[in-house]
């Protein structure tokens, strides 16, 4: 059985050198074909090197750019199935969640993850990964704490991104209590968490809180 690999970044790309090499080494065991799931906007092509640069330095030379939409077409699903690495970008968290969680795209991500395909999420892409997607007031149109269903690649924890920049300590602690989760992770902009088989290997600067039940 293949090990499962998850990379959660607290801010925007690029990958750190260490985790970029780790992600590339795992992805390249297959065909070295990495999908980038993102919200399409003007100038997106110029932004993609932020995701790809470190991976290219470590031997990945095939990338597929898959803009998210409410109804992904057959070709998008087919291409995603063939990928050996998946990146979920940053941006509007509510839209990422809407387009991935409880959709065929999300089902494929979970299937591939279980098969050992590494998954990386940056900012919004990291927030939708746990079973509970917690979106702070600063990051949504309703300006309140949102508690939504997440993708479910990891369970019994709460993730907070841009931790220091967004002053997320109180929000993270409140979410931990509300959801009765075991652990809360606050990830700073330049930091990341690397999980193997849903167990975290502590990497970079992050903040950890445990729920005393």
N, C-alpha and C. Protein backbone atom coordinates (compact mmCIF):
# COMPACT_ATOMS: atom_id res chain seq x y z
N UNK A 1 0.84 -1.20 0.00
CA UNK A 1 0.00 0.00 0.00
C UNK A 1 0.88 1.25 0.00
N UNK A 2 0.53 2.21 -0.87
CA UNK A 2 1.31 3.44 -0.98
C UNK A 2 1.08 4.36 0.21
N UNK A 3 2.13 5.04 0.62
CA UNK A 3 1.98 6.06 1.66
C UNK A 3 1.25 7.26 1.08
N UNK A 4 0.57 8.02 1.95
CA UNK A 4 -0.17 9.20 1.53
C UNK A 4 0.58 10.45 1.97
N UNK A 5 0.65 11.43 1.07
CA UNK A 5 1.47 12.61 1.31
C UNK A 5 0.66 13.88 1.09
N UNK A 6 0.70 14.77 2.10
CA UNK A 6 -0.09 15.99 2.07
C UNK A 6 0.78 17.16 2.50
N UNK A 7 0.73 18.24 1.72
CA UNK A 7 1.54 19.43 1.98
C UNK A 7 0.61 20.63 2.11
N UNK A 8 0.58 21.26 3.28
CA UNK A 8 -0.30 22.39 3.51
C UNK A 8 0.53 23.64 3.80
N UNK A 9 0.34 24.67 2.96
CA UNK A 9 1.12 25.89 3.06
C UNK A 9 0.24 27.03 3.59
N UNK A 10 0.81 27.83 4.50
CA UNK A 10 0.05 28.88 5.14
C UNK A 10 -0.13 30.13 4.30
N UNK A 11 0.61 30.24 3.22
CA UNK A 11 0.52 31.42 2.37
C UNK A 11 0.56 31.06 0.91
N UNK A 12 1.06 31.97 0.11
CA UNK A 12 1.10 31.80 -1.34
C UNK A 12 2.33 31.00 -1.75
N UNK A 13 2.34 30.49 -3.00
CA UNK A 13 3.54 29.82 -3.49
C UNK A 13 4.69 30.80 -3.59
N UNK A 14 5.91 30.30 -3.71
CA UNK A 14 6.31 28.96 -4.16
C UNK A 14 6.45 27.95 -3.02
N UNK A 15 6.70 26.69 -3.41
CA UNK A 15 7.11 25.67 -2.47
C UNK A 15 8.42 26.10 -1.80
N UNK A 16 8.62 25.70 -0.56
CA UNK A 16 9.96 25.81 0.01
C UNK A 16 10.86 24.81 -0.72
N UNK A 17 12.15 25.06 -0.70
CA UNK A 17 13.08 24.17 -1.42
C UNK A 17 12.98 22.74 -0.91
N UNK A 18 12.90 22.59 0.41
CA UNK A 18 12.87 21.26 1.00
C UNK A 18 11.60 20.50 0.63
N UNK A 19 10.45 21.15 0.80
CA UNK A 19 9.19 20.46 0.53
C UNK A 19 8.91 20.37 -0.97
N UNK A 20 9.43 21.31 -1.74
CA UNK A 20 9.31 21.21 -3.19
C UNK A 20 10.04 20.00 -3.71
N UNK A 21 11.23 19.74 -3.17
CA UNK A 21 11.98 18.55 -3.58
C UNK A 21 11.26 17.28 -3.15
N UNK A 22 10.71 17.29 -1.94
CA UNK A 22 9.98 16.12 -1.45
C UNK A 22 8.77 15.83 -2.33
N UNK A 23 7.98 16.86 -2.63
CA UNK A 23 6.79 16.70 -3.48
C UNK A 23 7.20 16.17 -4.86
N UNK A 24 8.23 16.77 -5.44
CA UNK A 24 8.68 16.36 -6.77
C UNK A 24 9.18 14.92 -6.77
N UNK A 25 9.92 14.54 -5.75
CA UNK A 25 10.46 13.18 -5.68
C UNK A 25 9.33 12.15 -5.65
N UNK A 26 8.24 12.48 -4.96
CA UNK A 26 7.11 11.55 -4.88
C UNK A 26 6.36 11.53 -6.21
N UNK A 27 6.09 12.71 -6.77
CA UNK A 27 5.33 12.80 -8.02
C UNK A 27 6.06 12.17 -9.18
N UNK A 28 7.38 12.27 -9.18
CA UNK A 28 8.16 11.79 -10.32
C UNK A 28 8.28 10.27 -10.36
N UNK A 29 7.89 9.62 -9.26
CA UNK A 29 7.88 8.15 -9.26
C UNK A 29 6.86 7.62 -10.26
N UNK A 30 5.83 8.42 -10.51
CA UNK A 30 4.88 8.07 -11.56
C UNK A 30 5.41 8.63 -12.87
N UNK A 31 4.61 9.41 -13.54
CA UNK A 31 5.06 10.02 -14.79
C UNK A 31 5.58 11.43 -14.59
N UNK A 32 5.50 11.94 -13.36
CA UNK A 32 5.95 13.30 -13.11
C UNK A 32 5.04 14.33 -13.77
N UNK A 33 3.74 14.10 -13.68
CA UNK A 33 2.74 14.98 -14.30
C UNK A 33 1.91 15.61 -13.19
N UNK A 34 2.02 16.94 -13.06
CA UNK A 34 1.41 17.63 -11.92
C UNK A 34 0.25 18.52 -12.39
N UNK A 35 -0.90 18.37 -11.73
CA UNK A 35 -2.07 19.21 -12.01
C UNK A 35 -2.11 20.39 -11.06
N UNK A 36 -2.44 21.56 -11.59
CA UNK A 36 -2.64 22.75 -10.77
C UNK A 36 -4.09 23.17 -10.92
N UNK A 37 -4.85 23.08 -9.82
CA UNK A 37 -6.25 23.48 -9.80
C UNK A 37 -6.32 24.91 -9.28
N UNK A 38 -6.97 25.80 -10.02
CA UNK A 38 -6.94 27.21 -9.67
C UNK A 38 -8.21 27.91 -10.14
N UNK A 39 -8.45 29.09 -9.60
CA UNK A 39 -9.55 29.94 -10.06
C UNK A 39 -9.04 30.86 -11.15
N UNK A 40 -9.65 30.78 -12.32
CA UNK A 40 -9.16 31.54 -13.46
C UNK A 40 -9.45 33.02 -13.30
N UNK A 41 -8.45 33.84 -13.55
CA UNK A 41 -8.59 35.29 -13.53
C UNK A 41 -7.57 35.88 -14.47
N UNK A 42 -7.69 37.16 -14.79
CA UNK A 42 -6.78 37.80 -15.72
C UNK A 42 -5.33 37.66 -15.24
N UNK A 43 -4.47 37.27 -16.14
CA UNK A 43 -3.05 37.15 -15.83
C UNK A 43 -2.64 35.87 -15.15
N UNK A 44 -3.54 34.87 -15.11
CA UNK A 44 -3.22 33.65 -14.38
C UNK A 44 -2.00 32.94 -14.95
N UNK A 45 -1.80 33.05 -16.27
CA UNK A 45 -0.65 32.35 -16.87
C UNK A 45 0.68 32.85 -16.29
N UNK A 46 0.75 34.15 -16.03
CA UNK A 46 2.00 34.71 -15.51
C UNK A 46 2.24 34.30 -14.06
N UNK A 47 1.17 33.88 -13.37
CA UNK A 47 1.30 33.50 -11.96
C UNK A 47 1.75 32.05 -11.78
N UNK A 48 1.50 31.20 -12.77
CA UNK A 48 1.76 29.78 -12.61
C UNK A 48 3.22 29.41 -12.31
N UNK A 49 4.22 30.15 -12.81
CA UNK A 49 5.59 29.81 -12.44
C UNK A 49 5.86 29.83 -10.94
N UNK A 50 5.04 30.56 -10.17
CA UNK A 50 5.22 30.54 -8.72
C UNK A 50 4.98 29.13 -8.17
N UNK A 51 4.04 28.41 -8.78
CA UNK A 51 3.77 27.04 -8.37
C UNK A 51 4.80 26.06 -8.94
N UNK A 52 5.23 26.32 -10.16
CA UNK A 52 6.04 25.32 -10.87
C UNK A 52 7.54 25.45 -10.70
N UNK A 53 8.04 26.63 -10.34
CA UNK A 53 9.49 26.88 -10.41
C UNK A 53 10.32 25.89 -9.61
N UNK A 54 9.99 25.70 -8.35
CA UNK A 54 10.78 24.81 -7.50
C UNK A 54 10.65 23.36 -7.98
N UNK A 55 9.46 22.99 -8.44
CA UNK A 55 9.26 21.62 -8.93
C UNK A 55 10.07 21.39 -10.20
N UNK A 56 10.13 22.39 -11.08
CA UNK A 56 10.95 22.26 -12.29
C UNK A 56 12.42 22.06 -11.94
N UNK A 57 12.86 22.77 -10.92
CA UNK A 57 14.26 22.63 -10.48
C UNK A 57 14.55 21.22 -9.98
N UNK A 58 13.49 20.49 -9.63
CA UNK A 58 13.66 19.13 -9.10
C UNK A 58 13.14 18.05 -10.05
N UNK A 59 13.11 18.37 -11.34
CA UNK A 59 12.88 17.34 -12.35
C UNK A 59 11.48 17.19 -12.91
N UNK A 60 10.51 17.97 -12.40
CA UNK A 60 9.15 17.89 -12.95
C UNK A 60 9.07 18.82 -14.16
N UNK A 61 8.67 18.28 -15.30
CA UNK A 61 8.60 19.13 -16.49
C UNK A 61 7.24 19.08 -17.19
N UNK A 62 6.28 18.39 -16.61
CA UNK A 62 4.95 18.35 -17.23
C UNK A 62 3.91 18.83 -16.22
N UNK A 63 3.22 19.90 -16.59
CA UNK A 63 2.18 20.48 -15.74
C UNK A 63 0.91 20.65 -16.56
N UNK A 64 -0.23 20.42 -15.91
CA UNK A 64 -1.51 20.69 -16.55
C UNK A 64 -2.26 21.70 -15.70
N UNK A 65 -2.80 22.72 -16.35
CA UNK A 65 -3.46 23.82 -15.65
C UNK A 65 -4.97 23.65 -15.80
N UNK A 66 -5.64 23.39 -14.68
CA UNK A 66 -7.05 23.05 -14.70
C UNK A 66 -7.86 24.10 -13.94
N UNK A 67 -8.42 25.09 -14.67
CA UNK A 67 -9.27 26.09 -14.01
C UNK A 67 -10.54 25.44 -13.47
N UNK A 68 -10.91 25.82 -12.27
CA UNK A 68 -12.08 25.24 -11.62
C UNK A 68 -13.35 25.92 -12.10
N UNK A 69 -14.44 25.17 -12.10
CA UNK A 69 -15.74 25.70 -12.51
C UNK A 69 -16.83 24.89 -11.83
N UNK A 70 -18.07 25.40 -11.83
CA UNK A 70 -19.15 24.64 -11.19
C UNK A 70 -19.39 23.27 -11.84
N UNK A 71 -19.13 23.18 -13.15
CA UNK A 71 -19.35 21.93 -13.86
C UNK A 71 -18.12 21.58 -14.71
N UNK A 72 -17.15 20.86 -14.11
CA UNK A 72 -15.95 20.50 -14.87
C UNK A 72 -16.29 19.61 -16.04
N UNK A 73 -15.59 19.81 -17.16
CA UNK A 73 -15.88 19.00 -18.34
C UNK A 73 -15.17 17.65 -18.26
N UNK A 74 -15.54 16.77 -19.16
CA UNK A 74 -15.00 15.41 -19.16
C UNK A 74 -13.48 15.41 -19.31
N UNK A 75 -12.96 16.31 -20.14
CA UNK A 75 -11.52 16.33 -20.37
C UNK A 75 -10.76 16.68 -19.10
N UNK A 76 -11.29 17.64 -18.33
CA UNK A 76 -10.64 18.01 -17.06
C UNK A 76 -10.54 16.82 -16.13
N UNK A 77 -11.63 16.07 -16.01
CA UNK A 77 -11.64 14.90 -15.13
C UNK A 77 -10.68 13.83 -15.64
N UNK A 78 -10.65 13.64 -16.94
CA UNK A 78 -9.76 12.63 -17.53
C UNK A 78 -8.30 12.98 -17.31
N UNK A 79 -7.97 14.24 -17.52
CA UNK A 79 -6.58 14.69 -17.34
C UNK A 79 -6.17 14.55 -15.88
N UNK A 80 -7.04 14.97 -14.96
CA UNK A 80 -6.72 14.88 -13.54
C UNK A 80 -6.43 13.44 -13.13
N UNK A 81 -7.19 12.51 -13.66
CA UNK A 81 -7.00 11.09 -13.32
C UNK A 81 -5.60 10.61 -13.67
N UNK A 82 -4.99 11.22 -14.68
CA UNK A 82 -3.69 10.76 -15.15
C UNK A 82 -2.52 11.42 -14.43
N UNK A 83 -2.80 12.32 -13.49
CA UNK A 83 -1.72 13.09 -12.85
C UNK A 83 -1.10 12.35 -11.67
N UNK A 84 0.17 12.62 -11.42
CA UNK A 84 0.89 11.99 -10.32
C UNK A 84 1.25 12.99 -9.22
N UNK A 85 0.69 14.18 -9.30
CA UNK A 85 0.81 15.19 -8.26
C UNK A 85 -0.30 16.19 -8.43
N UNK A 86 -0.84 16.74 -7.34
CA UNK A 86 -1.95 17.69 -7.40
C UNK A 86 -1.65 18.89 -6.52
N UNK A 87 -1.83 20.08 -7.09
CA UNK A 87 -1.70 21.33 -6.35
C UNK A 87 -3.04 22.05 -6.37
N UNK A 88 -3.52 22.47 -5.20
CA UNK A 88 -4.73 23.29 -5.10
C UNK A 88 -4.30 24.69 -4.72
N UNK A 89 -4.63 25.65 -5.56
CA UNK A 89 -4.11 26.99 -5.39
C UNK A 89 -4.81 27.81 -4.33
N UNK A 90 -4.42 29.07 -4.27
CA UNK A 90 -4.98 29.98 -3.30
C UNK A 90 -5.91 30.99 -3.95
N UNK A 91 -6.67 31.70 -3.13
CA UNK A 91 -7.63 32.67 -3.65
C UNK A 91 -8.87 32.69 -2.78
N UNK A 92 -10.03 32.70 -3.40
CA UNK A 92 -11.30 32.80 -2.69
C UNK A 92 -11.70 31.43 -2.14
N UNK A 93 -11.57 31.26 -0.83
CA UNK A 93 -11.75 29.95 -0.22
C UNK A 93 -13.15 29.38 -0.46
N UNK A 94 -14.17 30.23 -0.36
CA UNK A 94 -15.54 29.74 -0.55
C UNK A 94 -15.74 29.13 -1.93
N UNK A 95 -15.14 29.73 -2.95
CA UNK A 95 -15.27 29.19 -4.31
C UNK A 95 -14.50 27.89 -4.46
N UNK A 96 -13.27 27.84 -3.93
CA UNK A 96 -12.51 26.59 -3.98
C UNK A 96 -13.32 25.46 -3.35
N UNK A 97 -13.89 25.76 -2.20
CA UNK A 97 -14.67 24.73 -1.52
C UNK A 97 -15.88 24.32 -2.36
N UNK A 98 -16.58 25.29 -2.91
CA UNK A 98 -17.78 25.01 -3.71
C UNK A 98 -17.46 24.15 -4.93
N UNK A 99 -16.31 24.42 -5.57
CA UNK A 99 -15.95 23.74 -6.81
C UNK A 99 -15.26 22.39 -6.59
N UNK A 100 -14.83 22.11 -5.35
CA UNK A 100 -14.09 20.86 -5.10
C UNK A 100 -14.81 19.92 -4.14
N UNK A 101 -15.21 20.42 -2.99
CA UNK A 101 -15.84 19.54 -1.98
C UNK A 101 -17.20 19.06 -2.50
N UNK A 102 -17.47 17.79 -2.32
CA UNK A 102 -18.74 17.17 -2.76
C UNK A 102 -18.96 17.27 -4.26
N UNK A 103 -17.87 17.24 -5.03
CA UNK A 103 -17.96 17.22 -6.50
C UNK A 103 -17.14 16.05 -7.02
N UNK A 104 -17.26 15.79 -8.30
CA UNK A 104 -16.46 14.72 -8.90
C UNK A 104 -14.97 15.04 -8.83
N UNK A 105 -14.62 16.32 -8.93
CA UNK A 105 -13.21 16.73 -8.77
C UNK A 105 -12.71 16.31 -7.40
N UNK A 106 -13.49 16.61 -6.37
CA UNK A 106 -13.10 16.24 -5.01
C UNK A 106 -12.98 14.74 -4.84
N UNK A 107 -13.90 13.99 -5.41
CA UNK A 107 -13.84 12.52 -5.33
C UNK A 107 -12.56 12.00 -5.96
N UNK A 108 -12.19 12.57 -7.11
CA UNK A 108 -10.96 12.13 -7.78
C UNK A 108 -9.73 12.46 -6.95
N UNK A 109 -9.72 13.65 -6.36
CA UNK A 109 -8.58 14.03 -5.51
C UNK A 109 -8.42 13.03 -4.37
N UNK A 110 -9.53 12.67 -3.73
CA UNK A 110 -9.47 11.71 -2.62
C UNK A 110 -9.00 10.34 -3.10
N UNK A 111 -9.47 9.91 -4.25
CA UNK A 111 -9.06 8.61 -4.79
C UNK A 111 -7.56 8.60 -5.10
N UNK A 112 -7.10 9.65 -5.74
CA UNK A 112 -5.68 9.72 -6.11
C UNK A 112 -4.80 9.83 -4.86
N UNK A 113 -5.25 10.62 -3.89
CA UNK A 113 -4.51 10.75 -2.63
C UNK A 113 -4.35 9.39 -1.96
N UNK A 114 -5.41 8.61 -1.92
CA UNK A 114 -5.34 7.28 -1.33
C UNK A 114 -4.39 6.36 -2.08
N UNK A 115 -4.20 6.62 -3.36
CA UNK A 115 -3.28 5.82 -4.17
C UNK A 115 -1.83 6.25 -4.03
N UNK A 116 -1.60 7.34 -3.28
CA UNK A 116 -0.23 7.80 -3.05
C UNK A 116 0.17 9.03 -3.84
N UNK A 117 -0.77 9.62 -4.59
CA UNK A 117 -0.48 10.85 -5.32
C UNK A 117 -0.38 12.00 -4.32
N UNK A 118 0.73 12.73 -4.29
CA UNK A 118 0.87 13.82 -3.31
C UNK A 118 -0.07 14.98 -3.63
N UNK A 119 -0.63 15.57 -2.58
CA UNK A 119 -1.54 16.70 -2.72
C UNK A 119 -0.97 17.88 -1.94
N UNK A 120 -0.91 19.04 -2.59
CA UNK A 120 -0.44 20.26 -1.92
C UNK A 120 -1.53 21.32 -1.98
N UNK A 121 -1.74 22.05 -0.88
CA UNK A 121 -2.70 23.14 -0.86
C UNK A 121 -2.05 24.41 -0.34
N UNK A 122 -2.27 25.50 -1.05
CA UNK A 122 -1.73 26.80 -0.65
C UNK A 122 -2.86 27.70 -0.18
N UNK A 123 -2.78 28.18 1.06
CA UNK A 123 -3.77 29.11 1.62
C UNK A 123 -5.18 28.52 1.51
N UNK A 124 -6.02 29.03 0.61
CA UNK A 124 -7.38 28.48 0.46
C UNK A 124 -7.33 26.99 0.18
N UNK A 125 -6.36 26.57 -0.62
CA UNK A 125 -6.21 25.15 -0.93
C UNK A 125 -5.92 24.31 0.30
N UNK A 126 -5.27 24.91 1.29
CA UNK A 126 -5.01 24.21 2.56
C UNK A 126 -6.26 24.18 3.43
N UNK A 127 -7.03 25.29 3.43
CA UNK A 127 -8.21 25.37 4.30
C UNK A 127 -9.29 24.35 3.96
N UNK A 128 -9.40 23.98 2.69
CA UNK A 128 -10.48 23.05 2.32
C UNK A 128 -10.10 21.59 2.53
N UNK A 129 -8.85 21.30 2.88
CA UNK A 129 -8.36 19.92 2.97
C UNK A 129 -8.95 19.12 4.13
N UNK A 130 -9.06 19.66 5.35
CA UNK A 130 -9.55 18.84 6.47
C UNK A 130 -11.03 18.48 6.32
N UNK A 131 -11.49 17.62 7.21
CA UNK A 131 -12.91 17.26 7.24
C UNK A 131 -13.77 18.49 7.52
N UNK A 132 -13.24 19.40 8.33
CA UNK A 132 -13.93 20.66 8.62
C UNK A 132 -13.16 21.81 7.99
N UNK A 133 -13.84 22.52 7.09
CA UNK A 133 -13.26 23.70 6.45
C UNK A 133 -13.68 24.92 7.25
N UNK A 134 -12.74 25.52 7.95
CA UNK A 134 -13.04 26.68 8.79
C UNK A 134 -12.50 27.93 8.10
N UNK A 135 -13.41 28.85 7.76
CA UNK A 135 -13.03 30.07 7.05
C UNK A 135 -13.24 31.26 7.98
N UNK A 136 -12.18 32.01 8.28
CA UNK A 136 -12.32 33.12 9.23
C UNK A 136 -13.05 34.31 8.60
N UNK A 137 -13.53 35.23 9.43
CA UNK A 137 -14.29 36.38 8.93
C UNK A 137 -13.54 37.19 7.88
N UNK A 138 -12.23 37.31 8.03
CA UNK A 138 -11.44 38.12 7.10
C UNK A 138 -11.42 37.54 5.70
N UNK A 139 -11.81 36.26 5.58
CA UNK A 139 -11.63 35.52 4.33
C UNK A 139 -12.94 35.12 3.67
N UNK A 140 -14.04 35.79 4.01
CA UNK A 140 -15.29 35.44 3.35
C UNK A 140 -16.22 36.64 3.26
N UNK A 141 -17.16 36.57 2.33
CA UNK A 141 -18.05 37.69 2.02
C UNK A 141 -19.04 37.99 3.14
N UNK A 142 -19.28 37.01 4.02
CA UNK A 142 -20.24 37.22 5.11
C UNK A 142 -19.60 37.86 6.35
N UNK A 143 -18.27 37.94 6.34
CA UNK A 143 -17.53 38.54 7.45
C UNK A 143 -17.85 37.90 8.79
N UNK A 144 -17.98 36.57 8.77
CA UNK A 144 -18.18 35.84 10.01
C UNK A 144 -17.47 34.50 9.92
N UNK A 145 -17.32 33.85 11.05
CA UNK A 145 -16.64 32.56 11.10
C UNK A 145 -17.53 31.50 10.44
N UNK A 146 -17.03 30.87 9.39
CA UNK A 146 -17.80 29.85 8.69
C UNK A 146 -17.25 28.47 9.01
N UNK A 147 -18.16 27.55 9.29
CA UNK A 147 -17.80 26.17 9.59
C UNK A 147 -18.49 25.28 8.56
N UNK A 148 -17.72 24.80 7.60
CA UNK A 148 -18.27 24.09 6.46
C UNK A 148 -17.62 22.71 6.32
N UNK A 149 -18.24 21.89 5.53
CA UNK A 149 -17.66 20.58 5.26
C UNK A 149 -16.44 20.74 4.36
N UNK A 150 -15.36 20.03 4.72
CA UNK A 150 -14.16 20.06 3.91
C UNK A 150 -13.98 18.78 3.11
N UNK A 151 -12.82 18.69 2.47
CA UNK A 151 -12.53 17.55 1.61
C UNK A 151 -12.34 16.26 2.41
N UNK A 152 -11.78 16.37 3.61
CA UNK A 152 -11.67 15.21 4.48
C UNK A 152 -10.43 14.36 4.30
N UNK A 153 -9.35 14.93 3.77
CA UNK A 153 -8.11 14.15 3.65
C UNK A 153 -7.47 13.94 5.02
N UNK A 154 -7.70 14.87 5.95
CA UNK A 154 -7.29 14.70 7.33
C UNK A 154 -8.50 15.01 8.22
N UNK A 155 -8.51 14.40 9.40
CA UNK A 155 -9.67 14.52 10.26
C UNK A 155 -9.25 14.94 11.68
N UNK A 156 -10.22 15.36 12.46
CA UNK A 156 -10.03 15.68 13.88
C UNK A 156 -8.99 16.77 14.10
N UNK A 157 -8.91 17.71 13.17
CA UNK A 157 -8.02 18.85 13.38
C UNK A 157 -8.61 20.07 12.69
N UNK A 158 -8.10 21.23 13.06
CA UNK A 158 -8.50 22.49 12.46
C UNK A 158 -7.26 23.17 11.90
N UNK A 159 -7.39 23.72 10.70
CA UNK A 159 -6.28 24.40 10.04
C UNK A 159 -6.57 25.89 9.94
N UNK A 160 -5.57 26.70 10.25
CA UNK A 160 -5.64 28.15 10.06
C UNK A 160 -4.43 28.57 9.22
N UNK A 161 -4.66 29.42 8.22
CA UNK A 161 -3.57 29.90 7.37
C UNK A 161 -3.34 31.39 7.61
N UNK A 162 -2.25 31.92 7.09
CA UNK A 162 -1.88 33.33 7.31
C UNK A 162 -1.98 33.64 8.81
N UNK A 163 -1.54 32.71 9.63
CA UNK A 163 -1.85 32.72 11.06
C UNK A 163 -1.47 34.03 11.76
N UNK A 164 -0.22 34.43 11.64
CA UNK A 164 0.21 35.65 12.31
C UNK A 164 -0.30 36.89 11.58
N UNK A 165 -0.25 36.88 10.27
CA UNK A 165 -0.70 38.01 9.46
C UNK A 165 -2.16 38.35 9.73
N UNK A 166 -3.00 37.32 9.85
CA UNK A 166 -4.43 37.53 10.08
C UNK A 166 -4.81 37.50 11.56
N UNK A 167 -3.84 37.39 12.45
CA UNK A 167 -4.07 37.36 13.90
C UNK A 167 -5.15 36.32 14.24
N UNK A 168 -4.82 35.07 13.93
CA UNK A 168 -5.81 34.00 13.96
C UNK A 168 -5.88 33.19 15.25
N UNK A 169 -5.11 33.56 16.26
CA UNK A 169 -5.06 32.72 17.47
C UNK A 169 -6.44 32.50 18.09
N UNK A 170 -7.18 33.55 18.32
CA UNK A 170 -8.48 33.41 18.98
C UNK A 170 -9.47 32.66 18.10
N UNK A 171 -9.45 32.92 16.80
CA UNK A 171 -10.33 32.20 15.88
C UNK A 171 -10.02 30.71 15.87
N UNK A 172 -8.74 30.38 15.89
CA UNK A 172 -8.35 28.97 15.86
C UNK A 172 -8.77 28.27 17.15
N UNK A 173 -8.55 28.92 18.27
CA UNK A 173 -8.94 28.32 19.55
C UNK A 173 -10.46 28.13 19.62
N UNK A 174 -11.21 29.13 19.14
CA UNK A 174 -12.67 29.04 19.16
C UNK A 174 -13.16 27.91 18.26
N UNK A 175 -12.53 27.75 17.10
CA UNK A 175 -12.93 26.69 16.18
C UNK A 175 -12.62 25.32 16.76
N UNK A 176 -11.51 25.22 17.45
CA UNK A 176 -11.11 23.96 18.07
C UNK A 176 -12.16 23.51 19.09
N UNK A 177 -12.63 24.45 19.88
CA UNK A 177 -13.64 24.13 20.90
C UNK A 177 -14.99 23.83 20.25
N UNK A 178 -15.40 24.65 19.30
CA UNK A 178 -16.71 24.47 18.65
C UNK A 178 -16.82 23.11 17.97
N UNK A 179 -15.74 22.69 17.30
CA UNK A 179 -15.76 21.43 16.55
C UNK A 179 -15.33 20.24 17.39
N UNK A 180 -14.88 20.52 18.61
CA UNK A 180 -14.39 19.46 19.50
C UNK A 180 -13.30 18.63 18.81
N UNK A 181 -12.46 19.33 18.06
CA UNK A 181 -11.34 18.67 17.38
C UNK A 181 -10.17 18.52 18.35
N UNK A 182 -9.29 17.60 18.04
CA UNK A 182 -8.17 17.32 18.93
C UNK A 182 -7.06 18.36 18.84
N UNK A 183 -6.71 18.76 17.61
CA UNK A 183 -5.54 19.62 17.40
C UNK A 183 -5.89 20.75 16.43
N UNK A 184 -5.36 21.93 16.71
CA UNK A 184 -5.44 23.05 15.79
C UNK A 184 -4.05 23.45 15.34
N UNK A 185 -3.90 23.68 14.05
CA UNK A 185 -2.61 24.09 13.49
C UNK A 185 -2.75 25.47 12.87
N UNK A 186 -1.97 26.42 13.35
CA UNK A 186 -1.90 27.74 12.74
C UNK A 186 -0.62 27.84 11.92
N UNK A 187 -0.77 28.03 10.62
CA UNK A 187 0.38 28.02 9.72
C UNK A 187 0.66 29.43 9.23
N UNK A 188 1.88 29.89 9.46
CA UNK A 188 2.27 31.22 9.00
C UNK A 188 2.51 31.25 7.49
N UNK A 189 2.60 32.46 6.95
CA UNK A 189 2.71 32.63 5.50
C UNK A 189 3.89 31.90 4.89
N UNK A 190 5.01 31.88 5.55
CA UNK A 190 6.21 31.25 4.98
C UNK A 190 6.40 29.82 5.47
N UNK A 191 5.37 29.27 6.10
CA UNK A 191 5.51 27.94 6.71
C UNK A 191 4.60 26.93 6.04
N UNK A 192 4.81 25.66 6.41
CA UNK A 192 4.01 24.57 5.86
C UNK A 192 3.99 23.40 6.81
N UNK A 193 3.00 22.55 6.66
CA UNK A 193 2.94 21.28 7.36
C UNK A 193 2.97 20.16 6.34
N UNK A 194 3.75 19.15 6.63
CA UNK A 194 3.87 17.98 5.75
C UNK A 194 3.34 16.78 6.51
N UNK A 195 2.29 16.16 5.98
CA UNK A 195 1.68 14.98 6.59
C UNK A 195 2.04 13.73 5.79
N UNK A 196 2.38 12.67 6.49
CA UNK A 196 2.54 11.36 5.88
C UNK A 196 1.55 10.42 6.56
N UNK A 197 0.67 9.85 5.78
CA UNK A 197 -0.38 8.98 6.34
C UNK A 197 -1.14 9.67 7.46
N UNK A 198 -1.44 10.95 7.23
CA UNK A 198 -2.23 11.79 8.12
C UNK A 198 -1.54 12.12 9.44
N UNK A 199 -0.27 11.81 9.57
CA UNK A 199 0.51 12.20 10.74
C UNK A 199 1.46 13.32 10.34
N UNK A 200 1.47 14.41 11.10
CA UNK A 200 2.25 15.56 10.70
C UNK A 200 3.73 15.38 11.04
N UNK A 201 4.56 15.75 10.09
CA UNK A 201 5.99 15.89 10.34
C UNK A 201 6.23 17.38 10.47
N UNK A 202 6.53 17.83 11.67
CA UNK A 202 6.55 19.26 11.95
C UNK A 202 7.61 19.96 11.11
N UNK A 203 7.17 20.92 10.30
CA UNK A 203 8.06 21.60 9.37
C UNK A 203 7.81 23.09 9.41
N UNK A 204 8.87 23.87 9.55
CA UNK A 204 8.73 25.31 9.50
C UNK A 204 8.05 25.87 10.76
N UNK A 205 7.70 27.14 10.68
CA UNK A 205 7.09 27.82 11.82
C UNK A 205 5.58 27.64 11.79
N UNK A 206 5.06 26.95 12.80
CA UNK A 206 3.62 26.83 12.92
C UNK A 206 3.24 26.85 14.39
N UNK A 207 1.95 26.94 14.65
CA UNK A 207 1.45 27.05 16.02
C UNK A 207 0.47 25.92 16.25
N UNK A 208 0.63 25.22 17.34
CA UNK A 208 -0.17 24.02 17.60
C UNK A 208 -0.93 24.18 18.92
N UNK A 209 -2.20 23.88 18.87
CA UNK A 209 -3.03 23.93 20.07
C UNK A 209 -3.76 22.59 20.23
N UNK A 210 -3.81 22.11 21.44
CA UNK A 210 -4.51 20.86 21.70
C UNK A 210 -5.76 21.13 22.54
N UNK A 211 -6.81 20.45 22.21
CA UNK A 211 -8.08 20.63 22.89
C UNK A 211 -8.12 19.73 24.12
N UNK A 212 -8.27 20.31 25.28
CA UNK A 212 -8.36 19.54 26.51
C UNK A 212 -9.84 19.20 26.71
N UNK A 213 -10.18 17.94 26.49
CA UNK A 213 -11.58 17.55 26.54
C UNK A 213 -11.97 17.06 27.93
